[in-house]
């Protein structure tokens, strides 16, 4: 979609450089999303760290899953 917009702008201004500019913006956007997808997902869910005292059932569940995974 970004390249389509770049192509439209390039056709309107008769300057093909806009295709490369919009292509670079698309690549930068994809690279940022790829390397920061974990942080983006956690931020979207408003996640926060908890201690064992705050969520003992959660810690027990994760410990059980981890022990099962190592078998």
N, C-alpha and C. Protein backbone atom coordinates (compact mmCIF):
# COMPACT_ATOMS: atom_id res chain seq x y z
N UNK A 1 0.83 -1.19 0.00
CA UNK A 1 0.00 0.00 0.00
C UNK A 1 0.88 1.26 0.00
N UNK A 2 1.97 1.19 0.73
CA UNK A 2 2.86 2.35 0.77
C UNK A 2 3.46 2.60 -0.61
N UNK A 3 3.82 1.54 -1.31
CA UNK A 3 4.37 1.72 -2.66
C UNK A 3 3.32 2.25 -3.63
N UNK A 4 2.07 1.88 -3.44
CA UNK A 4 1.00 2.40 -4.29
C UNK A 4 0.88 3.91 -4.10
N UNK A 5 0.91 4.34 -2.85
CA UNK A 5 0.86 5.78 -2.58
C UNK A 5 2.07 6.46 -3.18
N UNK A 6 3.25 5.84 -3.03
CA UNK A 6 4.45 6.40 -3.63
C UNK A 6 4.36 6.49 -5.14
N UNK A 7 3.77 5.47 -5.75
CA UNK A 7 3.60 5.49 -7.21
C UNK A 7 2.64 6.58 -7.64
N UNK A 8 1.60 6.79 -6.88
CA UNK A 8 0.64 7.86 -7.22
C UNK A 8 1.30 9.23 -7.10
N UNK A 9 2.05 9.42 -6.01
CA UNK A 9 2.74 10.70 -5.83
C UNK A 9 3.79 10.88 -6.92
N UNK A 10 4.51 9.80 -7.24
CA UNK A 10 5.53 9.89 -8.29
C UNK A 10 4.91 10.21 -9.64
N UNK A 11 3.76 9.62 -9.93
CA UNK A 11 3.09 9.91 -11.20
C UNK A 11 2.57 11.34 -11.24
N UNK A 12 2.08 11.82 -10.11
CA UNK A 12 1.53 13.18 -10.06
C UNK A 12 2.64 14.23 -10.19
N UNK A 13 3.79 13.94 -9.59
CA UNK A 13 4.89 14.92 -9.64
C UNK A 13 5.89 14.63 -10.75
N UNK A 14 5.71 13.50 -11.44
CA UNK A 14 6.60 13.06 -12.51
C UNK A 14 8.04 12.92 -12.02
N UNK A 15 8.19 12.49 -10.75
CA UNK A 15 9.50 12.27 -10.15
C UNK A 15 9.52 10.85 -9.58
N UNK A 16 10.27 9.93 -10.20
CA UNK A 16 10.26 8.54 -9.73
C UNK A 16 10.93 8.34 -8.36
N UNK A 17 11.60 9.35 -7.84
CA UNK A 17 12.28 9.21 -6.55
C UNK A 17 11.30 8.94 -5.42
N UNK A 18 10.05 9.37 -5.57
CA UNK A 18 9.07 9.17 -4.51
C UNK A 18 8.76 7.69 -4.28
N UNK A 19 8.87 6.87 -5.32
CA UNK A 19 8.66 5.43 -5.14
C UNK A 19 9.72 4.87 -4.20
N UNK A 20 10.97 5.31 -4.37
CA UNK A 20 12.05 4.83 -3.50
C UNK A 20 11.89 5.36 -2.07
N UNK A 21 11.46 6.60 -1.94
CA UNK A 21 11.26 7.18 -0.61
C UNK A 21 10.16 6.42 0.13
N UNK A 22 9.05 6.19 -0.52
CA UNK A 22 7.96 5.47 0.12
C UNK A 22 8.31 4.00 0.35
N UNK A 23 9.10 3.42 -0.54
CA UNK A 23 9.57 2.04 -0.33
C UNK A 23 10.47 1.95 0.88
N UNK A 24 11.36 2.93 1.05
CA UNK A 24 12.24 2.96 2.22
C UNK A 24 11.42 3.13 3.49
N UNK A 25 10.42 4.00 3.47
CA UNK A 25 9.55 4.17 4.64
C UNK A 25 8.82 2.87 4.98
N UNK A 26 8.38 2.16 3.98
CA UNK A 26 7.72 0.87 4.21
C UNK A 26 8.66 -0.14 4.83
N UNK A 27 9.88 -0.22 4.33
CA UNK A 27 10.87 -1.15 4.90
C UNK A 27 11.23 -0.80 6.33
N UNK A 28 11.39 0.49 6.61
CA UNK A 28 11.70 0.92 7.98
C UNK A 28 10.54 0.56 8.92
N UNK A 29 9.34 0.78 8.48
CA UNK A 29 8.16 0.45 9.29
C UNK A 29 8.07 -1.04 9.58
N UNK A 30 8.31 -1.86 8.57
CA UNK A 30 8.27 -3.32 8.75
C UNK A 30 9.39 -3.79 9.67
N UNK A 31 10.58 -3.25 9.50
CA UNK A 31 11.71 -3.63 10.35
C UNK A 31 11.44 -3.26 11.80
N UNK A 32 10.92 -2.06 12.04
CA UNK A 32 10.60 -1.64 13.41
C UNK A 32 9.56 -2.57 14.04
N UNK A 33 8.53 -2.90 13.28
CA UNK A 33 7.49 -3.79 13.79
C UNK A 33 8.04 -5.18 14.08
N UNK A 34 8.93 -5.67 13.24
CA UNK A 34 9.49 -7.01 13.42
C UNK A 34 10.33 -7.08 14.69
N UNK A 35 11.22 -6.12 14.88
CA UNK A 35 12.14 -6.19 16.02
C UNK A 35 11.51 -5.73 17.33
N UNK A 36 10.38 -5.07 17.27
CA UNK A 36 9.73 -4.59 18.50
C UNK A 36 8.34 -5.16 18.69
N UNK A 37 8.01 -6.24 18.00
CA UNK A 37 6.66 -6.78 18.08
C UNK A 37 6.30 -7.24 19.49
N UNK A 38 7.26 -7.76 20.25
CA UNK A 38 6.96 -8.19 21.61
C UNK A 38 6.58 -6.99 22.49
N UNK A 39 7.33 -5.92 22.37
CA UNK A 39 7.04 -4.72 23.17
C UNK A 39 5.71 -4.08 22.74
N UNK A 40 5.43 -4.09 21.46
CA UNK A 40 4.19 -3.52 20.95
C UNK A 40 2.99 -4.31 21.48
N UNK A 41 3.08 -5.64 21.46
CA UNK A 41 1.99 -6.47 21.95
C UNK A 41 1.77 -6.29 23.44
N UNK A 42 2.85 -6.26 24.21
CA UNK A 42 2.72 -6.07 25.66
C UNK A 42 2.12 -4.70 25.98
N UNK A 43 2.55 -3.68 25.26
CA UNK A 43 2.02 -2.34 25.48
C UNK A 43 0.54 -2.27 25.11
N UNK A 44 0.15 -2.97 24.05
CA UNK A 44 -1.25 -2.95 23.61
C UNK A 44 -2.16 -3.61 24.64
N UNK A 45 -1.65 -4.61 25.35
CA UNK A 45 -2.45 -5.31 26.36
C UNK A 45 -2.31 -4.69 27.75
N UNK A 46 -1.54 -3.60 27.85
CA UNK A 46 -1.29 -2.91 29.11
C UNK A 46 -0.73 -3.87 30.16
N UNK A 47 0.21 -4.71 29.73
CA UNK A 47 0.81 -5.70 30.62
C UNK A 47 1.80 -5.04 31.57
N UNK A 48 1.97 -5.65 32.73
CA UNK A 48 2.92 -5.15 33.72
C UNK A 48 3.46 -6.33 34.51
N UNK A 49 4.68 -6.23 35.05
CA UNK A 49 5.26 -7.33 35.80
C UNK A 49 4.57 -7.49 37.16
N UNK A 50 4.45 -8.74 37.59
CA UNK A 50 3.87 -9.04 38.90
C UNK A 50 4.84 -9.91 39.68
N UNK A 51 4.74 -9.85 40.99
CA UNK A 51 5.57 -10.68 41.85
C UNK A 51 4.83 -11.96 42.21
N UNK A 52 5.55 -12.89 42.80
CA UNK A 52 4.95 -14.15 43.23
C UNK A 52 3.86 -13.90 44.28
N UNK A 53 4.05 -12.89 45.12
CA UNK A 53 3.07 -12.57 46.16
C UNK A 53 1.79 -11.98 45.57
N UNK A 54 1.90 -11.27 44.47
CA UNK A 54 0.74 -10.65 43.84
C UNK A 54 -0.10 -11.66 43.07
N UNK A 55 0.54 -12.66 42.47
CA UNK A 55 -0.18 -13.62 41.63
C UNK A 55 0.39 -15.02 41.82
N UNK A 56 0.13 -15.65 42.98
CA UNK A 56 0.70 -16.97 43.22
C UNK A 56 0.15 -18.05 42.28
N UNK A 57 -1.11 -17.95 41.89
CA UNK A 57 -1.69 -18.95 40.98
C UNK A 57 -1.03 -18.87 39.61
N UNK A 58 -0.75 -17.68 39.15
CA UNK A 58 -0.09 -17.50 37.85
C UNK A 58 1.30 -18.10 37.88
N UNK A 59 2.06 -17.83 38.94
CA UNK A 59 3.40 -18.38 39.07
C UNK A 59 3.37 -19.91 39.11
N UNK A 60 2.41 -20.47 39.84
CA UNK A 60 2.29 -21.93 39.92
C UNK A 60 2.00 -22.52 38.54
N UNK A 61 1.11 -21.87 37.79
CA UNK A 61 0.76 -22.36 36.46
C UNK A 61 1.96 -22.33 35.53
N UNK A 62 2.72 -21.25 35.55
CA UNK A 62 3.89 -21.12 34.69
C UNK A 62 4.97 -22.13 35.09
N UNK A 63 5.17 -22.33 36.38
CA UNK A 63 6.16 -23.32 36.83
C UNK A 63 5.76 -24.73 36.39
N UNK A 64 4.47 -25.05 36.46
CA UNK A 64 4.01 -26.37 36.02
C UNK A 64 4.21 -26.55 34.52
N UNK A 65 3.87 -25.54 33.75
CA UNK A 65 4.08 -25.61 32.29
C UNK A 65 5.56 -25.75 31.95
N UNK A 66 6.41 -25.02 32.66
CA UNK A 66 7.84 -25.10 32.40
C UNK A 66 8.39 -26.48 32.73
N UNK A 67 7.92 -27.08 33.82
CA UNK A 67 8.39 -28.43 34.18
C UNK A 67 7.90 -29.46 33.17
N UNK A 68 6.69 -29.29 32.68
CA UNK A 68 6.17 -30.22 31.65
C UNK A 68 6.95 -30.07 30.34
N UNK A 69 7.35 -28.88 30.02
CA UNK A 69 8.06 -28.63 28.76
C UNK A 69 9.46 -29.25 28.76
N UNK A 70 10.06 -29.42 29.91
CA UNK A 70 11.41 -29.97 30.00
C UNK A 70 11.43 -31.49 30.02
N UNK A 71 10.29 -32.14 30.05
CA UNK A 71 10.24 -33.60 30.08
C UNK A 71 10.45 -34.19 28.73
